[in-house]
Protein backbone atom coordinates (compact mmCIF):
# COMPACT_ATOMS: atom_id res chain seq x y z
CA UNK A 1 -2.67 -29.24 22.33
CA UNK A 2 -5.92 -30.06 24.09
CA UNK A 3 -9.06 -29.44 22.05
CA UNK A 4 -10.94 -26.20 22.55
CA UNK A 5 -14.45 -26.30 23.95
CA UNK A 6 -17.31 -23.92 23.27
CA UNK A 7 -17.00 -20.68 25.19
CA UNK A 8 -19.08 -20.95 28.35
CA UNK A 9 -18.60 -17.79 30.43
CA UNK A 10 -19.45 -17.95 34.13
CA UNK A 11 -22.86 -16.65 35.22
CA UNK A 12 -23.11 -12.91 35.70
CA UNK A 13 -23.72 -12.39 39.41
CA UNK A 14 -22.91 -8.69 39.24
CA UNK A 15 -19.70 -6.69 39.25
CA UNK A 16 -17.10 -7.13 41.96
CA UNK A 17 -15.67 -3.62 42.10
CA UNK A 18 -12.38 -3.34 43.96
CA UNK A 19 -11.75 0.37 43.42
CA UNK A 20 -13.66 3.28 41.94
CA UNK A 21 -13.03 6.99 41.50
CA UNK A 22 -14.04 9.47 38.80
CA UNK A 23 -11.09 8.39 36.63
CA UNK A 24 -10.55 4.66 37.24
CA UNK A 25 -12.39 1.41 37.85
CA UNK A 26 -10.86 -1.84 39.08
CA UNK A 27 -12.78 -5.12 39.00
CA UNK A 28 -12.23 -8.73 40.00
CA UNK A 29 -12.57 -10.76 36.78
CA UNK A 30 -13.82 -14.31 37.26
CA UNK A 31 -11.95 -17.23 35.70
CA UNK A 32 -13.38 -18.35 32.38
CA UNK A 33 -14.51 -14.87 31.28
CA UNK A 34 -12.85 -13.12 28.35
CA UNK A 35 -11.39 -9.69 29.09
CA UNK A 36 -12.54 -8.33 25.72
CA UNK A 37 -15.01 -9.61 23.11
CA UNK A 38 -13.96 -12.46 20.88
CA UNK A 39 -14.34 -12.56 17.08
CA UNK A 40 -17.68 -14.36 17.05
CA UNK A 41 -21.15 -13.49 18.37
CA UNK A 42 -20.83 -16.28 20.95
CA UNK A 43 -17.89 -14.46 22.50
CA UNK A 44 -19.47 -11.05 23.07
CA UNK A 45 -19.98 -11.67 26.80
CA UNK A 46 -16.78 -10.47 28.46
CA UNK A 47 -15.53 -8.28 31.29
CA UNK A 48 -15.67 -5.17 29.10
CA UNK A 49 -19.30 -5.73 28.10
CA UNK A 50 -20.38 -6.50 31.66
CA UNK A 51 -18.67 -3.40 33.02
CA UNK A 52 -19.91 -1.13 30.23
CA UNK A 53 -23.47 -2.18 31.00
CA UNK A 54 -23.10 -0.07 34.16
CA UNK A 55 -20.22 2.22 33.22
CA UNK A 56 -20.59 2.96 29.52
CA UNK A 57 -17.40 5.04 29.43
CA UNK A 58 -15.11 2.23 30.70
CA UNK A 59 -11.97 1.61 28.61
CA UNK A 60 -9.81 -1.44 29.30
CA UNK A 61 -6.16 -0.67 30.11
CA UNK A 62 -4.67 -4.18 30.22
CA UNK A 63 -5.90 -7.76 29.85
CA UNK A 64 -5.94 -11.08 31.63
CA UNK A 65 -6.13 -14.46 29.91
CA UNK A 66 -9.64 -15.88 29.86
CA UNK A 67 -8.61 -18.61 32.31
CA UNK A 68 -6.94 -16.19 34.75
CA UNK A 69 -8.96 -14.52 37.50
CA UNK A 70 -8.34 -11.33 39.43
CA UNK A 71 -7.59 -7.64 39.13
CA UNK A 72 -8.43 -5.86 35.89
CA UNK A 73 -8.01 -2.11 35.43
CA UNK A 74 -10.22 0.27 33.42
CA UNK A 75 -10.04 3.99 32.68
CA UNK A 76 -13.14 6.18 32.59
CA UNK A 77 -11.90 8.60 29.92
CA UNK A 78 -9.37 8.69 27.11
CA UNK A 79 -6.94 10.93 28.98
CA UNK A 80 -6.68 8.50 31.88
CA UNK A 81 -6.51 5.55 29.50
CA UNK A 82 -3.46 7.11 27.84
CA UNK A 83 -1.84 7.93 31.19
CA UNK A 84 -2.32 4.42 32.59
CA UNK A 85 -1.15 2.81 29.35
CA UNK A 86 2.04 4.85 29.63
CA UNK A 87 2.56 3.62 33.20
CA UNK A 88 2.28 0.02 32.01
CA UNK A 89 4.67 0.66 29.13
CA UNK A 90 7.19 2.23 31.50
CA UNK A 91 6.79 -0.69 33.97
CA UNK A 92 5.69 1.71 36.69
CA UNK A 93 2.77 -0.50 37.71
CA UNK A 94 3.56 -3.37 40.08
CA UNK A 95 1.57 -6.56 39.52
CA UNK A 96 1.43 -9.62 41.75
CA UNK A 97 -0.09 -13.01 41.04
CA UNK A 98 -0.66 -16.15 43.07
CA UNK A 99 -0.44 -19.57 41.42
CA UNK A 100 -0.57 -23.19 42.49
CA UNK A 101 1.93 -25.25 40.53
CA UNK A 102 2.69 -28.90 40.03
CA UNK A 103 5.50 -30.37 42.12
CA UNK A 104 7.52 -29.04 45.02
CA UNK A 105 9.51 -25.96 44.05
CA UNK A 106 12.98 -26.44 45.55
CA UNK A 107 14.17 -22.85 46.01
CA UNK A 108 12.28 -20.49 48.31
CA UNK A 109 12.62 -17.70 45.76
CA UNK A 110 14.18 -17.07 42.42
CA UNK A 111 14.16 -15.32 39.07
CA UNK A 112 13.22 -16.81 35.71
CA UNK A 113 14.87 -15.13 32.74
CA UNK A 114 13.74 -16.82 29.54
CA UNK A 115 13.02 -15.02 26.25
CA UNK A 116 9.56 -15.71 24.83
CA UNK A 117 7.99 -15.74 21.39
CA UNK A 118 4.84 -17.06 19.77
CA UNK A 119 4.82 -20.74 18.82
CA UNK A 120 3.53 -20.15 15.28
CA UNK A 121 2.64 -23.77 14.58
CA UNK A 122 0.65 -24.02 17.81
CA UNK A 123 -0.86 -20.57 18.24
CA UNK A 124 -1.88 -19.07 20.65
CA UNK A 125 0.80 -20.97 22.59
CA UNK A 126 4.09 -19.23 23.37
CA UNK A 127 7.52 -20.78 23.78
CA UNK A 128 10.96 -20.10 25.18
CA UNK A 129 13.32 -19.20 22.35
CA UNK A 130 16.68 -17.43 22.23
CA UNK A 131 15.28 -15.19 19.48
CA UNK A 132 12.28 -14.21 21.60
CA UNK A 133 11.68 -11.03 23.59
CA UNK A 134 13.48 -10.68 26.94
CA UNK A 135 11.14 -11.85 29.71
CA UNK A 136 11.62 -11.93 33.48
CA UNK A 137 9.55 -13.28 36.36
CA UNK A 138 10.33 -13.27 40.09
CA UNK A 139 8.82 -15.99 42.26
CA UNK A 140 8.55 -16.69 45.98
CA UNK A 141 7.27 -19.87 47.60
CA UNK A 142 4.29 -19.35 49.90
CA UNK A 143 3.54 -22.95 50.84
CA UNK A 144 4.56 -26.47 49.81
CA UNK A 145 1.89 -29.18 49.99
CA UNK A 146 3.81 -32.43 50.32
CA UNK A 147 0.69 -34.59 50.33
CA UNK A 148 -0.47 -33.33 46.93
CA UNK A 149 2.98 -32.50 45.57
CA UNK A 150 2.02 -28.90 44.76
CA UNK A 151 3.42 -25.47 45.64
CA UNK A 152 1.66 -22.14 46.11
CA UNK A 153 3.85 -19.32 44.77
CA UNK A 154 3.77 -15.54 44.60
CA UNK A 155 4.71 -14.24 41.15
CA UNK A 156 5.92 -10.80 40.11
CA UNK A 157 6.25 -10.34 36.35
CA UNK A 158 8.88 -7.76 35.49
CA UNK A 159 7.91 -7.87 31.82
CA UNK A 160 4.42 -8.47 30.47
CA UNK A 161 4.60 -11.01 27.65
CA UNK A 162 1.67 -13.13 26.53
CA UNK A 163 1.35 -16.28 28.69
CA UNK A 164 4.59 -15.26 30.44
CA UNK A 165 3.86 -16.72 33.87
CA UNK A 166 2.45 -19.92 32.43
CA UNK A 167 5.40 -20.57 30.11
CA UNK A 168 8.05 -19.53 32.63
CA UNK A 169 6.74 -21.88 35.31
CA UNK A 170 6.42 -24.71 32.81
CA UNK A 171 10.01 -24.04 31.72
CA UNK A 172 11.34 -24.77 35.22
CA UNK A 173 9.27 -27.95 35.50
CA UNK A 174 6.37 -26.60 37.56
CA UNK A 175 3.38 -25.93 35.31
CA UNK A 176 0.35 -24.22 36.81
CA UNK A 177 -2.42 -26.62 37.76
CA UNK A 178 -5.32 -26.69 35.32
CA UNK A 179 -3.31 -25.11 32.49
CA UNK A 180 -4.85 -26.35 29.26
CA UNK A 181 -1.85 -25.26 27.18
CA UNK A 182 1.29 -26.09 29.14
CA UNK A 183 0.53 -28.56 31.95
CA UNK A 184 0.97 -32.32 31.75
CA UNK A 185 -2.22 -34.38 31.73
CA UNK A 186 -1.76 -35.10 35.44
CA UNK A 187 -1.25 -31.43 36.38
CA UNK A 188 -4.10 -30.34 34.10
CA UNK A 189 -6.49 -32.75 35.81
CA UNK A 190 -5.56 -31.64 39.32
CA UNK A 191 -7.83 -28.59 38.98
CA UNK A 192 -11.03 -27.72 37.13
CA UNK A 193 -9.60 -24.26 36.33
CA UNK A 194 -6.26 -22.55 35.81
CA UNK A 195 -4.97 -21.79 39.31
CA UNK A 196 -3.60 -18.36 38.50
CA UNK A 197 -5.00 -15.22 40.13
CA UNK A 198 -4.01 -11.56 39.73
CA UNK A 199 -3.95 -10.64 43.38
CA UNK A 200 -2.37 -7.18 43.74
CA UNK A 201 -1.77 -4.02 41.75
CA UNK A 202 0.11 -0.89 42.84
CA UNK A 203 0.73 2.42 41.06
CA UNK A 204 0.92 6.15 41.60
CA UNK A 205 -2.33 7.77 40.48
CA UNK A 206 -1.48 10.05 37.51
CA UNK A 207 -3.76 12.85 38.71
CA UNK A 208 -3.83 12.68 42.50
CA UNK A 209 -0.23 11.39 42.77
CA UNK A 210 -1.33 9.11 45.60
CA UNK A 211 -0.08 5.54 45.87
CA UNK A 212 -2.95 3.22 44.97
CA UNK A 213 -2.73 -0.38 46.14
CA UNK A 214 -5.42 -2.87 45.17
CA UNK A 215 -5.54 -6.26 46.88
CA UNK A 216 -7.77 -9.15 45.87
CA UNK A 217 -6.87 -12.39 47.63
CA UNK A 218 -10.25 -13.65 48.74
CA UNK A 219 -11.34 -17.10 47.66
CA UNK A 220 -7.98 -18.05 46.22
């Protein structure tokens, strides 16, 4: 495993709100920023703390890895937090990611079914294991870059395991560029960040019953 470096969150240039109503907030989290505070004073700067500086009532509903950028959802009261958490648990929220991976993915689309569990000797890494939890990811090729031997893919996680997209892509021989945990040295060095971005989120609003679709593809 590559050595960890001191936490250096990106500069705070203000919130990038993607959606706001009296019940929900959706923000674009920058890469390199923790979703929630870490267990040391140096890791207090995170998406929650930045959002709560302007919206004190904000409660995080789900998380993104520190290295992953994109859509992060917050509730503005406990009732909505419970309702949105139930939607996630019931898999009634559709999530889409974009990633750039090492190598040229052969199939235009496919499904990765590989059970996952924590790699206890190398935590926080995860691993494919027959005794792990069922895990499924759909992928679709967006573009193949022959000159750099990379592929841009659209990813739809059916389950929501820790590091699922990162481990699943590594398991088929196409690790995400810049992945400090699972990429080869060559693939890790092809990018100065993890090239994984949460780009779309869709769900039926628990109170208004309207279909909400959030899209965040800029700059990725």
